[in-house]
Protein backbone atom coordinates (compact mmCIF):
# COMPACT_ATOMS: atom_id res chain seq x y z
CA MET A 1 -11.05 27.62 -7.18
CA MET A 2 -8.68 24.55 -7.55
CA LYS A 3 -6.01 26.24 -5.30
CA MET A 4 -8.00 25.33 -2.19
CA PHE A 5 -7.32 21.58 -2.84
CA TRP A 6 -4.28 19.45 -2.58
CA ILE A 7 -2.50 19.18 -6.06
CA ASN A 8 -3.38 15.39 -6.59
CA ILE A 9 -7.00 15.98 -5.91
CA ALA A 10 -6.96 19.29 -7.88
CA LYS A 11 -5.76 17.40 -10.93
CA GLN A 12 -8.42 14.76 -10.55
CA VAL A 13 -11.15 17.37 -10.11
CA SER A 14 -10.13 19.50 -13.12
CA THR A 15 -9.69 16.41 -15.51
CA GLY A 16 -12.63 15.25 -17.38
CA SER A 17 -14.98 16.30 -20.36
CA SER A 18 -16.27 19.29 -18.52
CA PRO A 19 -14.61 21.33 -15.90
CA PRO A 20 -16.62 22.05 -12.73
CA THR A 21 -18.34 25.31 -12.98
CA PHE A 22 -20.29 25.38 -9.58
CA VAL A 23 -18.59 25.25 -6.30
CA ALA A 24 -20.97 22.53 -5.22
CA ASP A 25 -19.92 20.57 -8.38
CA CYS A 26 -16.19 21.13 -7.65
CA ILE A 27 -16.65 20.00 -3.81
CA SER A 28 -18.45 16.78 -4.87
CA ARG A 29 -15.75 15.98 -7.41
CA ALA A 30 -13.11 16.67 -4.71
CA ILE A 31 -14.86 14.36 -2.18
CA ARG A 32 -15.02 11.73 -4.68
CA ALA A 33 -11.35 12.05 -5.65
CA GLU A 34 -10.33 12.00 -1.93
CA SER A 35 -12.11 8.92 -1.30
CA TRP A 36 -10.64 7.23 -4.35
CA ASN A 37 -7.20 8.20 -3.05
CA ASN A 38 -8.01 6.70 0.57
CA GLN A 39 -9.13 3.55 -0.86
CA ASP A 40 -5.96 3.27 -2.89
CA LYS A 41 -3.92 4.04 0.16
CA GLU A 42 -5.77 1.35 2.07
CA ALA A 43 -5.22 -1.39 -0.66
CA ARG A 44 -1.54 -0.42 -0.64
CA ALA A 45 -1.31 -0.57 3.04
CA HIS A 46 -2.94 -4.04 3.14
CA ILE A 47 -0.61 -5.47 0.33
CA PHE A 48 2.23 -4.13 2.32
CA LYS A 49 1.01 -5.80 5.53
CA VAL A 50 0.51 -9.01 3.74
CA LYS A 51 4.02 -9.03 2.21
CA LYS A 52 5.51 -8.20 5.63
CA GLU A 53 3.55 -11.06 7.15
CA GLU A 54 4.90 -13.42 4.50
CA LYS A 55 8.45 -12.43 5.03
CA ALA A 56 8.04 -12.93 8.90
CA MET A 57 6.62 -16.44 8.22
CA LEU A 58 9.58 -17.18 5.86
CA LYS A 59 12.21 -16.05 8.45
CA GLN A 60 10.51 -18.26 11.00
CA SER A 61 10.36 -21.26 8.99
CA GLN A 62 13.88 -20.92 7.46
CA PRO A 63 15.80 -21.87 10.75
CA LYS A 64 13.79 -24.87 11.35
CA GLN A 65 14.78 -26.19 7.79
CA ILE A 66 18.50 -25.63 8.68
CA GLN A 67 18.17 -27.46 11.97
CA GLU A 68 16.28 -30.35 10.54
CA PHE A 69 18.95 -30.77 7.91
CA TYR A 70 21.79 -31.47 10.28
CA PRO A 71 21.51 -34.22 12.92
CA LYS A 72 21.78 -33.30 16.61
CA GLY A 73 25.23 -32.34 17.73
CA GLN A 74 26.55 -31.57 14.18
CA THR A 75 26.90 -28.26 12.91
CA ASN A 76 27.76 -26.78 9.50
CA ASN A 77 31.30 -25.74 10.85
CA SER A 78 32.77 -29.16 10.79
CA SER A 79 36.38 -29.30 9.24
């Protein structure tokens, strides 16, 4: 019966104190496991998006700091 699910969902369905004996029990556990997996994916996607936005903000603020450090007309290449 577990062969009809994805491997990661089948592992979550078959674990526990008692394995599912009825098809309805098996399906309900699979639905719960799939929703937990989707929640985890959404949380990881949100964290990735936040980190990406933070990197973009750092890249935008970094050139401004370098320009503010040197007065107008001067560059870092003065020898």
